[in-house]
N, C-alpha and C. Protein backbone atom coordinates (compact mmCIF):
# COMPACT_ATOMS: atom_id res chain seq x y z
N MET A 1 -6.66 -9.02 -10.21
CA MET A 1 -6.73 -8.01 -9.16
C MET A 1 -6.16 -6.71 -9.67
N ALA A 2 -6.98 -5.67 -9.70
CA ALA A 2 -6.51 -4.40 -10.14
C ALA A 2 -6.33 -3.44 -8.97
N ILE A 3 -5.05 -3.06 -8.78
CA ILE A 3 -4.69 -2.15 -7.66
C ILE A 3 -3.52 -1.32 -8.14
N THR A 4 -3.52 -0.08 -7.78
CA THR A 4 -2.40 0.82 -8.23
C THR A 4 -1.14 0.56 -7.41
N ARG A 5 -0.05 0.89 -8.06
CA ARG A 5 1.28 0.82 -7.45
C ARG A 5 1.29 1.66 -6.16
N ASP A 6 0.75 2.85 -6.24
CA ASP A 6 0.71 3.77 -5.12
C ASP A 6 -0.07 3.15 -3.95
N GLU A 7 -1.16 2.49 -4.24
CA GLU A 7 -1.92 1.86 -3.16
C GLU A 7 -1.19 0.70 -2.54
N VAL A 8 -0.49 -0.07 -3.34
CA VAL A 8 0.35 -1.18 -2.76
C VAL A 8 1.46 -0.62 -1.86
N ILE A 9 2.05 0.49 -2.32
CA ILE A 9 3.12 1.13 -1.55
C ILE A 9 2.49 1.63 -0.18
N ARG A 10 1.31 2.18 -0.22
CA ARG A 10 0.62 2.62 0.94
C ARG A 10 0.41 1.49 1.93
N ILE A 11 -0.10 0.37 1.40
CA ILE A 11 -0.35 -0.81 2.21
C ILE A 11 0.92 -1.31 2.89
N LEU A 12 2.02 -1.36 2.10
CA LEU A 12 3.27 -1.84 2.66
C LEU A 12 3.79 -0.86 3.72
N ALA A 13 3.61 0.44 3.49
CA ALA A 13 4.05 1.43 4.47
C ALA A 13 3.27 1.29 5.77
N GLU A 14 1.99 1.00 5.64
CA GLU A 14 1.14 0.84 6.86
C GLU A 14 1.54 -0.42 7.56
N ALA A 15 1.84 -1.48 6.85
CA ALA A 15 2.27 -2.74 7.48
C ALA A 15 3.65 -2.62 8.05
N ASP A 16 4.51 -1.92 7.35
CA ASP A 16 5.92 -1.65 7.76
C ASP A 16 6.61 -2.92 8.31
N PRO A 17 6.65 -3.98 7.52
CA PRO A 17 7.23 -5.24 8.00
C PRO A 17 8.67 -5.17 8.56
N ALA A 18 9.48 -4.29 7.97
CA ALA A 18 10.89 -4.20 8.42
C ALA A 18 11.10 -3.08 9.40
N GLY A 19 10.02 -2.34 9.72
CA GLY A 19 10.21 -1.23 10.66
C GLY A 19 10.88 0.00 10.10
N LEU A 20 10.96 0.07 8.76
CA LEU A 20 11.66 1.21 8.14
C LEU A 20 10.93 2.53 8.25
N ILE A 21 9.59 2.46 8.10
CA ILE A 21 8.81 3.75 8.21
C ILE A 21 8.83 4.24 9.62
N ALA A 22 8.70 3.32 10.57
CA ALA A 22 8.76 3.72 12.00
C ALA A 22 10.10 4.36 12.34
N GLY A 23 11.12 3.92 11.59
CA GLY A 23 12.51 4.42 11.81
C GLY A 23 12.78 5.74 11.03
N GLY A 24 11.78 6.28 10.34
CA GLY A 24 11.94 7.54 9.68
C GLY A 24 12.13 7.50 8.19
N ALA A 25 12.09 6.33 7.60
CA ALA A 25 12.27 6.21 6.17
C ALA A 25 11.05 6.81 5.40
N PRO A 26 11.26 7.22 4.20
CA PRO A 26 10.16 7.83 3.43
C PRO A 26 9.05 6.74 3.17
N ARG A 27 7.83 7.21 3.02
CA ARG A 27 6.65 6.34 2.86
C ARG A 27 6.78 5.39 1.64
N ASP A 28 7.64 5.77 0.66
CA ASP A 28 7.73 4.86 -0.52
C ASP A 28 8.96 3.94 -0.41
N GLU A 29 9.43 3.74 0.73
CA GLU A 29 10.62 2.90 0.97
C GLU A 29 10.38 1.45 0.48
N TYR A 30 9.20 1.00 0.47
CA TYR A 30 8.86 -0.38 0.02
C TYR A 30 8.45 -0.46 -1.41
N ALA A 31 8.87 0.49 -2.25
CA ALA A 31 8.47 0.56 -3.66
C ALA A 31 8.96 -0.70 -4.41
N ALA A 32 10.15 -1.14 -4.16
CA ALA A 32 10.66 -2.36 -4.83
C ALA A 32 9.86 -3.60 -4.52
N GLU A 33 9.45 -3.71 -3.27
CA GLU A 33 8.63 -4.82 -2.86
C GLU A 33 7.24 -4.72 -3.42
N ALA A 34 6.72 -3.50 -3.53
CA ALA A 34 5.43 -3.28 -4.19
C ALA A 34 5.48 -3.76 -5.62
N ASP A 35 6.57 -3.37 -6.35
CA ASP A 35 6.69 -3.77 -7.74
C ASP A 35 6.73 -5.29 -7.87
N ALA A 36 7.43 -5.95 -6.92
CA ALA A 36 7.54 -7.41 -6.96
C ALA A 36 6.19 -8.06 -6.73
N ILE A 37 5.39 -7.52 -5.81
CA ILE A 37 4.03 -7.99 -5.49
C ILE A 37 3.16 -7.78 -6.75
N LEU A 38 3.25 -6.65 -7.36
CA LEU A 38 2.46 -6.36 -8.56
C LEU A 38 2.83 -7.31 -9.72
N GLY A 39 4.03 -7.82 -9.71
CA GLY A 39 4.44 -8.74 -10.74
C GLY A 39 4.00 -10.17 -10.57
N LEU A 40 3.33 -10.45 -9.45
CA LEU A 40 2.80 -11.79 -9.21
C LEU A 40 1.48 -11.98 -9.91
N GLN A 41 1.15 -13.23 -10.19
CA GLN A 41 -0.10 -13.58 -10.85
C GLN A 41 -1.21 -13.74 -9.85
N GLY A 42 -2.37 -13.12 -10.04
CA GLY A 42 -3.48 -13.31 -9.13
C GLY A 42 -3.29 -12.67 -7.80
N VAL A 43 -4.04 -13.18 -6.82
CA VAL A 43 -3.94 -12.68 -5.44
C VAL A 43 -2.66 -13.34 -4.85
N PRO A 44 -1.75 -12.49 -4.29
CA PRO A 44 -0.53 -13.05 -3.77
C PRO A 44 -0.80 -13.97 -2.58
N LYS A 45 -0.05 -15.03 -2.55
CA LYS A 45 -0.11 -16.02 -1.45
C LYS A 45 0.81 -15.51 -0.31
N LEU A 46 0.55 -15.94 0.88
CA LEU A 46 1.39 -15.52 2.02
C LEU A 46 2.83 -15.86 1.80
N THR A 47 3.11 -17.06 1.28
CA THR A 47 4.52 -17.43 1.05
C THR A 47 5.17 -16.52 -0.02
N GLU A 48 4.47 -16.04 -0.95
CA GLU A 48 5.01 -15.16 -1.94
C GLU A 48 5.35 -13.78 -1.32
N ILE A 49 4.48 -13.28 -0.49
CA ILE A 49 4.75 -12.01 0.20
C ILE A 49 5.94 -12.17 1.13
N THR A 50 5.92 -13.15 1.98
CA THR A 50 7.05 -13.33 2.95
C THR A 50 8.32 -13.57 2.18
N GLY A 51 8.25 -14.27 1.07
CA GLY A 51 9.45 -14.55 0.23
C GLY A 51 10.02 -13.31 -0.39
N ILE A 52 9.22 -12.40 -0.83
CA ILE A 52 9.67 -11.09 -1.41
C ILE A 52 10.46 -10.33 -0.35
N PHE A 53 9.95 -10.29 0.84
CA PHE A 53 10.66 -9.56 1.92
C PHE A 53 11.90 -10.27 2.37
N ALA A 54 11.84 -11.65 2.37
CA ALA A 54 13.05 -12.41 2.74
C ALA A 54 14.19 -12.17 1.77
N VAL A 55 13.86 -12.08 0.51
CA VAL A 55 14.88 -11.84 -0.48
C VAL A 55 15.41 -10.36 -0.42
N SER A 56 14.47 -9.44 -0.31
CA SER A 56 14.84 -8.00 -0.28
C SER A 56 15.75 -7.66 0.93
N PHE A 57 15.45 -8.30 2.08
CA PHE A 57 16.15 -7.93 3.32
C PHE A 57 17.11 -9.03 3.76
N SER A 58 17.30 -10.06 2.96
CA SER A 58 18.18 -11.17 3.34
C SER A 58 17.90 -11.75 4.67
N ASP A 59 16.59 -11.76 5.03
CA ASP A 59 16.20 -12.29 6.34
C ASP A 59 14.80 -12.84 6.20
N PRO A 60 14.67 -14.19 6.34
CA PRO A 60 13.35 -14.80 6.16
C PRO A 60 12.31 -14.38 7.18
N GLY A 61 12.74 -13.75 8.27
CA GLY A 61 11.79 -13.34 9.33
C GLY A 61 11.34 -11.91 9.18
N THR A 62 11.76 -11.24 8.15
CA THR A 62 11.43 -9.80 8.04
C THR A 62 9.89 -9.59 8.01
N CYS A 63 9.13 -10.37 7.27
CA CYS A 63 7.73 -10.22 7.19
C CYS A 63 7.06 -11.45 7.78
N THR A 64 6.44 -11.33 8.89
CA THR A 64 5.81 -12.45 9.55
C THR A 64 4.60 -12.90 8.76
N ARG A 65 4.09 -14.10 9.02
CA ARG A 65 2.87 -14.60 8.36
C ARG A 65 1.70 -13.71 8.69
N GLU A 66 1.63 -13.25 9.93
CA GLU A 66 0.53 -12.39 10.35
C GLU A 66 0.51 -11.07 9.51
N THR A 67 1.71 -10.49 9.38
CA THR A 67 1.81 -9.25 8.55
C THR A 67 1.51 -9.56 7.11
N ALA A 68 1.99 -10.64 6.60
CA ALA A 68 1.72 -11.04 5.19
C ALA A 68 0.25 -11.24 4.97
N ARG A 69 -0.43 -11.89 5.96
CA ARG A 69 -1.88 -12.11 5.87
C ARG A 69 -2.59 -10.75 5.84
N TRP A 70 -2.21 -9.84 6.65
CA TRP A 70 -2.87 -8.53 6.67
C TRP A 70 -2.59 -7.79 5.29
N ILE A 71 -1.38 -7.88 4.74
CA ILE A 71 -1.09 -7.26 3.50
C ILE A 71 -1.95 -7.89 2.39
N ALA A 72 -2.08 -9.24 2.35
CA ALA A 72 -2.83 -9.93 1.31
C ALA A 72 -4.29 -9.50 1.43
N GLU A 73 -4.86 -9.43 2.66
CA GLU A 73 -6.27 -9.04 2.85
C GLU A 73 -6.50 -7.60 2.39
N GLU A 74 -5.54 -6.73 2.71
CA GLU A 74 -5.70 -5.34 2.28
C GLU A 74 -5.59 -5.18 0.76
N LEU A 75 -4.72 -5.94 0.13
CA LEU A 75 -4.64 -5.90 -1.33
C LEU A 75 -5.96 -6.23 -1.94
N VAL A 76 -6.60 -7.25 -1.45
CA VAL A 76 -7.91 -7.68 -1.98
C VAL A 76 -8.96 -6.61 -1.66
N ARG A 77 -8.97 -6.15 -0.41
CA ARG A 77 -9.97 -5.18 0.05
C ARG A 77 -9.88 -3.86 -0.75
N ARG A 78 -8.68 -3.43 -1.03
CA ARG A 78 -8.50 -2.10 -1.65
C ARG A 78 -8.47 -2.21 -3.20
N ALA A 79 -8.40 -3.39 -3.76
CA ALA A 79 -8.38 -3.55 -5.22
C ALA A 79 -9.76 -3.09 -5.77
N ASP A 80 -9.67 -2.57 -6.96
CA ASP A 80 -10.89 -2.21 -7.70
C ASP A 80 -11.79 -1.23 -6.95
N ARG A 81 -11.24 -0.36 -6.14
CA ARG A 81 -12.03 0.62 -5.43
C ARG A 81 -12.34 1.79 -6.34
């Protein structure tokens, strides 16, 4: 899957799993999580996405399965554009 770091950051900002963007944080607030996602092999699994956010925010409920599913679908949809 070929997708740019900037595009992954945009996807995460749109999903805003932790509500940071809605709270006024800069659009690149999820850059560390984007880097972690880009470090995964192949198309990220829902458990990998939710796990990245659980570790980053010390809360397993930060990124719901529904949000992770949307993120995964957008990663695939926007890859190789």
